[in-house]
Every structure is written in C-alpha cells, then in structure tokens.
C-alpha cells in the first residue's frame, strides 16, 4: 500500500511540475506585408566621422521601391541637391513578420533598420562602417 501511495505522489508531482507537457511551436501568423512600392521622400539627420553632426539640409532623400515579392523588396535611394541627382544607391530589404519592422542593405555597404511608423511614413536608422563611418536617422513619407 505504501508503494502505491509513493508512486501516486510521485506521478502527481511530475504532472504538476509540467514534465509531461509537450513544447508548443510558435503559431504566430505572419502579418500580410504592406506594399512599399512607390516613392518615399524625406530628410536625413546624422553624424559622419571627420564631418561631425549634419542634417544634410542641401539634400533630399528618395527611396524608390520598384519591386516587391511578399516581404522582400528592392529599389534604389536617390540623393538630390539643388543641381539635380548627386548619387544613386541600389538597395533591397525585408519586412519583418510583424509587418512593420524593416531591415535593408545598400550597394556600397550601408545597412538600415527601422519601421513603418504609419502606412505612409517610415523611419530608418542608417549605418555604414566604411571610412568615414556614418550613422543617420532617415524620416521618409510616401509621395
């Protein structure tokens, strides 16, 4: 009788501690990715080694998203000053599972991470470790 009682208590303790539960895999659904196709224009504010803090007021930044397949997109960045386009960089990115976070890479080595603040607004943090290293906050609105 003591043996049955001991086994029963042991079995009850195992069940209470959760040792017999199975692990559950994440069933979180991937949000339907928003379309980023089109032009996003805005400002840059940052820091460059050797130059210091800069808000690049003479430039307008435009991200042109020309292709998107699900959560992956590609296009280019255009940096325009008063005399016209001064620089173009190809880019590609991924929309996170939440449908809001963004991770991007640019031709030439720069990367950006950020989020959709609103359906027509993106904020990116750009970093480039090449000399002179640069970091900036880019605020873009869909036009």
C-alpha atoms as a PDB file:
ATOM      1  CA  UNK A   1       0.000   0.000   0.000  1.00  0.00           C
ATOM      2  CA  UNK A   2       2.882   2.343   0.843  1.00  0.00           C
ATOM      3  CA  UNK A   3       4.434   1.641  -2.557  1.00  0.00           C
ATOM      4  CA  UNK A   4       1.211   2.560  -4.404  1.00  0.00           C
ATOM      5  CA  UNK A   5       0.907   5.755  -2.334  1.00  0.00           C
ATOM      6  CA  UNK A   6       4.544   6.717  -3.083  1.00  0.00           C
ATOM      7  CA  UNK A   7       4.119   6.079  -6.813  1.00  0.00           C
ATOM      8  CA  UNK A   8       0.859   8.063  -6.836  1.00  0.00           C
ATOM      9  CA  UNK A   9       2.509  11.021  -5.085  1.00  0.00           C
ATOM     10  CA  UNK A  10       5.482  10.884  -7.459  1.00  0.00           C
ATOM     11  CA  UNK A  11       3.217  10.716 -10.517  1.00  0.00           C
ATOM     12  CA  UNK A  12       1.139  13.617  -9.188  1.00  0.00           C
ATOM     13  CA  UNK A  13       4.310  15.699  -8.616  1.00  0.00           C
ATOM     14  CA  UNK A  14       5.511  15.018 -12.179  1.00  0.00           C
ATOM     15  CA  UNK A  15       2.160  16.071 -13.621  1.00  0.00           C
ATOM     16  CA  UNK A  16       2.058  19.281 -11.545  1.00  0.00           C
ATOM     17  CA  UNK A  17       5.611  20.258 -12.495  1.00  0.00           C
ATOM     18  CA  UNK A  18       4.788  20.065 -16.189  1.00  0.00           C
ATOM     19  CA  UNK A  19       7.367  17.457 -17.084  1.00  0.00           C
ATOM     20  CA  UNK A  20       4.878  15.695 -19.295  1.00  0.00           C
ATOM     21  CA  UNK A  21       3.785  18.724 -21.309  1.00  0.00           C
ATOM     22  CA  UNK A  22       4.864  18.968 -24.909  1.00  0.00           C
ATOM     23  CA  UNK A  23       6.553  22.069 -26.279  1.00  0.00           C
ATOM     24  CA  UNK A  24       4.393  24.228 -28.469  1.00  0.00           C
ATOM     25  CA  UNK A  25       5.755  25.698 -31.655  1.00  0.00           C
ATOM     26  CA  UNK A  26       5.051  29.306 -32.480  1.00  0.00           C
ATOM     27  CA  UNK A  27       1.812  29.573 -34.342  1.00  0.00           C
ATOM     28  CA  UNK A  28       2.030  33.360 -34.726  1.00  0.00           C
ATOM     29  CA  UNK A  29       0.839  34.230 -38.178  1.00  0.00           C
ATOM     30  CA  UNK A  30       2.927  36.396 -40.428  1.00  0.00           C
ATOM     31  CA  UNK A  31       1.157  39.699 -40.935  1.00  0.00           C
ATOM     32  CA  UNK A  32       0.147  40.458 -44.507  1.00  0.00           C
ATOM     33  CA  UNK A  33       3.050  42.589 -45.714  1.00  0.00           C
ATOM     34  CA  UNK A  34       2.194  46.146 -46.667  1.00  0.00           C
ATOM     35  CA  UNK A  35       3.070  47.316 -50.169  1.00  0.00           C
ATOM     36  CA  UNK A  36       6.101  49.604 -50.102  1.00  0.00           C
ATOM     37  CA  UNK A  37       6.021  50.146 -53.874  1.00  0.00           C
ATOM     38  CA  UNK A  38       6.450  53.755 -54.893  1.00  0.00           C
ATOM     39  CA  UNK A  39       8.475  56.770 -53.823  1.00  0.00           C
ATOM     40  CA  UNK A  40       9.271  57.701 -50.241  1.00  0.00           C
ATOM     41  CA  UNK A  41      10.890  61.117 -49.724  1.00  0.00           C
ATOM     42  CA  UNK A  42      12.338  62.779 -46.659  1.00  0.00           C
ATOM     43  CA  UNK A  43      15.238  64.056 -44.637  1.00  0.00           C
ATOM     44  CA  UNK A  44      18.458  62.745 -43.121  1.00  0.00           C
ATOM     45  CA  UNK A  45      19.968  63.738 -39.794  1.00  0.00           C
ATOM     46  CA  UNK A  46      23.160  62.121 -38.547  1.00  0.00           C
ATOM     47  CA  UNK A  47      26.851  62.020 -37.867  1.00  0.00           C
ATOM     48  CA  UNK A  48      29.879  61.367 -40.105  1.00  0.00           C
ATOM     49  CA  UNK A  49      33.389  60.816 -38.799  1.00  0.00           C
ATOM     50  CA  UNK A  50      35.513  63.850 -39.633  1.00  0.00           C
ATOM     51  CA  UNK A  51      32.460  65.928 -40.547  1.00  0.00           C
ATOM     52  CA  UNK A  52      30.552  65.765 -37.265  1.00  0.00           C
ATOM     53  CA  UNK A  53      26.814  66.188 -36.849  1.00  0.00           C
ATOM     54  CA  UNK A  54      24.952  67.014 -40.013  1.00  0.00           C
ATOM     55  CA  UNK A  55      21.337  67.333 -41.100  1.00  0.00           C
ATOM     56  CA  UNK A  56      22.191  67.398 -44.818  1.00  0.00           C
ATOM     57  CA  UNK A  57      19.740  70.279 -45.430  1.00  0.00           C
ATOM     58  CA  UNK A  58      21.007  70.684 -49.008  1.00  0.00           C
ATOM     59  CA  UNK A  59      19.806  67.168 -49.906  1.00  0.00           C
ATOM     60  CA  UNK A  60      16.512  65.388 -50.319  1.00  0.00           C
ATOM     61  CA  UNK A  61      16.480  61.634 -49.938  1.00  0.00           C
ATOM     62  CA  UNK A  62      14.115  59.489 -52.016  1.00  0.00           C
ATOM     63  CA  UNK A  63      13.698  55.750 -51.639  1.00  0.00           C
ATOM     64  CA  UNK A  64      12.173  54.293 -54.811  1.00  0.00           C
ATOM     65  CA  UNK A  65      10.778  50.816 -54.186  1.00  0.00           C
ATOM     66  CA  UNK A  66      10.393  49.347 -57.671  1.00  0.00           C
ATOM     67  CA  UNK A  67       9.755  45.665 -56.928  1.00  0.00           C
ATOM     68  CA  UNK A  68       8.240  43.681 -54.071  1.00  0.00           C
ATOM     69  CA  UNK A  69       7.589  39.955 -53.679  1.00  0.00           C
ATOM     70  CA  UNK A  70       5.885  39.220 -50.399  1.00  0.00           C
ATOM     71  CA  UNK A  71       8.070  40.585 -47.609  1.00  0.00           C
ATOM     72  CA  UNK A  72      11.154  41.190 -49.816  1.00  0.00           C
ATOM     73  CA  UNK A  73      11.555  44.426 -51.764  1.00  0.00           C
ATOM     74  CA  UNK A  74      14.184  46.231 -53.859  1.00  0.00           C
ATOM     75  CA  UNK A  75      14.821  49.582 -55.442  1.00  0.00           C
ATOM     76  CA  UNK A  76      17.201  52.492 -55.032  1.00  0.00           C
ATOM     77  CA  UNK A  77      17.978  55.552 -52.965  1.00  0.00           C
ATOM     78  CA  UNK A  78      18.377  58.892 -54.724  1.00  0.00           C
ATOM     79  CA  UNK A  79      20.108  61.805 -53.021  1.00  0.00           C
ATOM     80  CA  UNK A  80      19.194  65.080 -54.708  1.00  0.00           C
ATOM     81  CA  UNK A  81      20.627  68.551 -54.213  1.00  0.00           C
ATOM     82  CA  UNK A  82      19.662  71.860 -55.852  1.00  0.00           C
ATOM     83  CA  UNK A  83      21.558  70.999 -59.055  1.00  0.00           C
ATOM     84  CA  UNK A  84      19.998  67.511 -59.537  1.00  0.00           C
ATOM     85  CA  UNK A  85      20.719  63.911 -58.591  1.00  0.00           C
ATOM     86  CA  UNK A  86      24.091  63.612 -56.955  1.00  0.00           C
ATOM     87  CA  UNK A  87      24.080  59.960 -56.003  1.00  0.00           C
ATOM     88  CA  UNK A  88      22.090  56.741 -56.524  1.00  0.00           C
ATOM     89  CA  UNK A  89      22.460  53.559 -54.444  1.00  0.00           C
ATOM     90  CA  UNK A  90      20.646  50.294 -55.152  1.00  0.00           C
ATOM     91  CA  UNK A  91      19.001  48.713 -52.139  1.00  0.00           C
ATOM     92  CA  UNK A  92      16.996  45.688 -51.022  1.00  0.00           C
ATOM     93  CA  UNK A  93      15.133  44.925 -47.854  1.00  0.00           C
ATOM     94  CA  UNK A  94      12.894  42.667 -45.829  1.00  0.00           C
ATOM     95  CA  UNK A  95       9.684  43.441 -43.958  1.00  0.00           C
ATOM     96  CA  UNK A  96       9.587  41.690 -40.575  1.00  0.00           C
ATOM     97  CA  UNK A  97       6.978  39.108 -39.578  1.00  0.00           C
ATOM     98  CA  UNK A  98       5.071  41.829 -37.741  1.00  0.00           C
ATOM     99  CA  UNK A  99       4.518  43.749 -40.983  1.00  0.00           C
ATOM    100  CA  UNK A 100       6.236  46.854 -39.544  1.00  0.00           C
ATOM    101  CA  UNK A 101       9.958  46.307 -38.963  1.00  0.00           C
ATOM    102  CA  UNK A 102      12.378  46.800 -41.852  1.00  0.00           C
ATOM    103  CA  UNK A 103      15.940  45.596 -42.498  1.00  0.00           C
ATOM    104  CA  UNK A 104      17.809  46.853 -45.555  1.00  0.00           C
ATOM    105  CA  UNK A 105      21.171  46.695 -47.290  1.00  0.00           C
ATOM    106  CA  UNK A 106      22.601  49.172 -49.786  1.00  0.00           C
ATOM    107  CA  UNK A 107      25.044  48.835 -52.630  1.00  0.00           C
ATOM    108  CA  UNK A 108      28.320  50.108 -51.215  1.00  0.00           C
ATOM    109  CA  UNK A 109      27.989  48.553 -47.772  1.00  0.00           C
ATOM    110  CA  UNK A 110      25.464  50.577 -45.789  1.00  0.00           C
ATOM    111  CA  UNK A 111      22.614  48.993 -43.855  1.00  0.00           C
ATOM    112  CA  UNK A 112      19.368  50.337 -42.430  1.00  0.00           C
ATOM    113  CA  UNK A 113      16.874  49.115 -39.889  1.00  0.00           C
ATOM    114  CA  UNK A 114      13.643  50.746 -38.955  1.00  0.00           C
ATOM    115  CA  UNK A 115       9.901  50.556 -39.060  1.00  0.00           C
ATOM    116  CA  UNK A 116       6.696  51.694 -40.649  1.00  0.00           C
ATOM    117  CA  UNK A 117       5.558  54.403 -38.248  1.00  0.00           C
ATOM    118  CA  UNK A 118       2.293  54.803 -40.189  1.00  0.00           C
ATOM    119  CA  UNK A 119       1.066  53.432 -43.544  1.00  0.00           C
ATOM    120  CA  UNK A 120       2.687  56.424 -45.290  1.00  0.00           C
ATOM    121  CA  UNK A 121       5.703  57.010 -43.006  1.00  0.00           C
ATOM    122  CA  UNK A 122       8.996  55.150 -42.469  1.00  0.00           C
ATOM    123  CA  UNK A 123      11.825  55.857 -40.037  1.00  0.00           C
ATOM    124  CA  UNK A 124      15.182  54.217 -40.780  1.00  0.00           C
ATOM    125  CA  UNK A 125      18.468  54.148 -38.907  1.00  0.00           C
ATOM    126  CA  UNK A 126      21.277  54.013 -41.480  1.00  0.00           C
ATOM    127  CA  UNK A 127      24.790  52.798 -40.606  1.00  0.00           C
ATOM    128  CA  UNK A 128      27.928  52.484 -42.694  1.00  0.00           C
ATOM    129  CA  UNK A 129      31.207  51.402 -41.095  1.00  0.00           C
ATOM    130  CA  UNK A 130      33.434  52.385 -44.053  1.00  0.00           C
ATOM    131  CA  UNK A 131      35.663  55.427 -43.596  1.00  0.00           C
ATOM    132  CA  UNK A 132      34.350  57.897 -42.862  1.00  0.00           C
ATOM    133  CA  UNK A 133      31.815  55.944 -40.801  1.00  0.00           C
ATOM    134  CA  UNK A 134      28.308  57.351 -40.835  1.00  0.00           C
ATOM    135  CA  UNK A 135      25.073  56.941 -38.921  1.00  0.00           C
ATOM    136  CA  UNK A 136      21.799  58.749 -39.549  1.00  0.00           C
ATOM    137  CA  UNK A 137      18.088  58.841 -38.866  1.00  0.00           C
ATOM    138  CA  UNK A 138      16.093  58.982 -42.098  1.00  0.00           C
ATOM    139  CA  UNK A 139      12.449  60.080 -41.942  1.00  0.00           C
ATOM    140  CA  UNK A 140      10.507  59.283 -45.122  1.00  0.00           C
ATOM    141  CA  UNK A 141       6.919  59.890 -46.245  1.00  0.00           C
ATOM    142  CA  UNK A 142       5.206  58.210 -49.189  1.00  0.00           C
ATOM    143  CA  UNK A 143       4.526  60.605 -52.055  1.00  0.00           C
END
